[in-house]
Protein backbone atom coordinates (compact mmCIF):
# COMPACT_ATOMS: atom_id res chain seq x y z
CA MET A 1 29.14 -2.70 36.51
CA ILE A 2 28.78 0.00 33.52
CA GLU A 3 32.19 1.30 32.05
CA PHE A 4 31.99 5.21 30.88
CA TRP A 5 32.69 4.21 27.50
CA GLN A 6 29.22 1.92 27.79
CA MET A 7 27.65 4.40 27.88
CA PRO A 8 27.30 6.10 24.54
CA PHE A 9 26.06 2.92 22.84
CA MET A 10 23.41 2.40 25.30
CA ILE A 11 21.97 6.05 25.24
CA ALA A 12 22.07 5.19 21.22
CA PHE A 13 20.51 2.28 21.57
CA ALA A 14 17.63 3.53 23.91
CA ILE A 15 16.81 6.43 21.95
CA THR A 16 16.88 4.03 18.90
CA GLY A 17 14.21 1.90 20.69
CA ALA A 18 12.03 5.05 21.44
CA VAL A 19 12.02 6.94 17.89
CA VAL A 20 10.77 3.06 16.79
CA TYR A 21 7.99 2.53 19.35
CA PHE A 22 6.82 5.60 18.74
CA TYR A 23 6.60 5.35 15.14
CA LEU A 24 5.22 1.91 15.14
CA ARG A 25 2.70 3.22 17.56
CA ASN A 26 1.65 5.87 15.63
CA GLN A 27 1.01 3.53 12.13
CA HIS A 28 -0.96 1.25 14.21
CA ARG A 29 -3.53 4.25 15.32
CA GLU A 30 -3.61 5.69 12.16
CA LYS A 31 -4.56 2.39 10.66
CA LEU A 32 -6.77 1.95 13.13
CA ALA A 33 -8.39 5.02 12.55
CA LEU A 34 -8.56 4.41 9.12
CA ILE A 35 -10.21 0.95 9.56
CA LYS A 36 -13.30 3.02 12.06
CA LYS A 37 -13.95 5.22 8.98
CA GLY A 38 -14.49 2.47 6.42
CA GLU A 39 -11.58 3.46 4.35
CA SER A 40 -9.35 1.05 3.13
CA ILE A 41 -5.77 0.71 4.45
CA VAL A 42 -3.85 -0.69 1.15
CA PRO A 43 -4.99 1.83 -1.76
CA GLN A 44 -5.44 -0.34 -5.35
CA ASP A 45 -2.72 0.74 -7.05
CA SER A 46 -0.10 -0.60 -4.67
CA LEU A 47 -1.51 -4.57 -4.80
CA GLN A 48 -0.86 -3.99 -8.43
CA GLN A 49 2.72 -2.79 -7.88
CA MET A 50 3.10 -5.83 -5.27
CA LYS A 51 2.46 -8.11 -7.76
CA PHE A 52 5.12 -6.87 -9.90
CA SER A 53 7.40 -6.60 -7.65
CA ASN A 54 6.86 -10.49 -5.45
CA LEU A 55 6.79 -11.80 -9.76
CA ALA A 56 10.62 -10.10 -10.12
CA LYS A 57 11.63 -11.29 -6.49
CA GLY A 58 10.57 -14.84 -7.90
CA ILE A 59 12.45 -14.72 -11.35
CA ILE A 60 15.58 -13.35 -9.63
CA SER A 61 15.83 -16.00 -7.01
CA ILE A 62 14.80 -18.79 -9.23
CA SER A 63 17.86 -17.52 -11.81
CA LEU A 64 20.54 -17.16 -8.60
CA ALA A 65 19.49 -20.72 -7.68
CA LEU A 66 19.85 -22.44 -11.24
CA GLY A 67 23.01 -20.36 -11.79
CA ILE A 68 24.60 -21.16 -8.29
CA PHE A 69 22.88 -25.42 -9.07
CA SER A 70 25.05 -25.05 -12.46
CA ALA A 71 28.11 -24.34 -11.05
CA HIS A 72 27.97 -26.96 -8.79
CA ILE A 73 27.52 -29.36 -11.81
CA LEU A 74 30.31 -27.60 -13.31
CA GLU A 75 32.59 -27.82 -10.53
CA THR A 76 31.80 -31.59 -9.53
CA TYR A 77 31.83 -33.06 -12.92
CA THR A 78 34.63 -31.07 -14.88
CA SER A 79 38.23 -30.24 -14.42
CA LEU A 80 37.80 -26.82 -13.41
CA GLU A 81 39.17 -25.11 -10.34
CA PRO A 82 35.82 -24.29 -8.03
CA ILE A 83 36.40 -20.47 -8.44
CA VAL A 84 36.45 -20.46 -12.23
CA SER A 85 33.24 -22.49 -12.12
CA TYR A 86 31.67 -20.18 -9.50
CA ILE A 87 32.08 -17.06 -11.34
């Protein structure tokens, strides 16, 4: 049985789901209309921005991994406390 305090959460979930559904359906229809017209879905300048964005994310990920790896090495092979080596 559904209790009274659960109703607002269920209503909020249903409304959010409906908004997301209609938003995605509208985007899909707009893209289909652009394809039928023969236009490009992705502008050329955004392709260039995506390349640099992915490069930046890759550099940050590699730097983070190297930092964690070096902290692990410091913790394992020195007498530093674990919290000090990761700071």
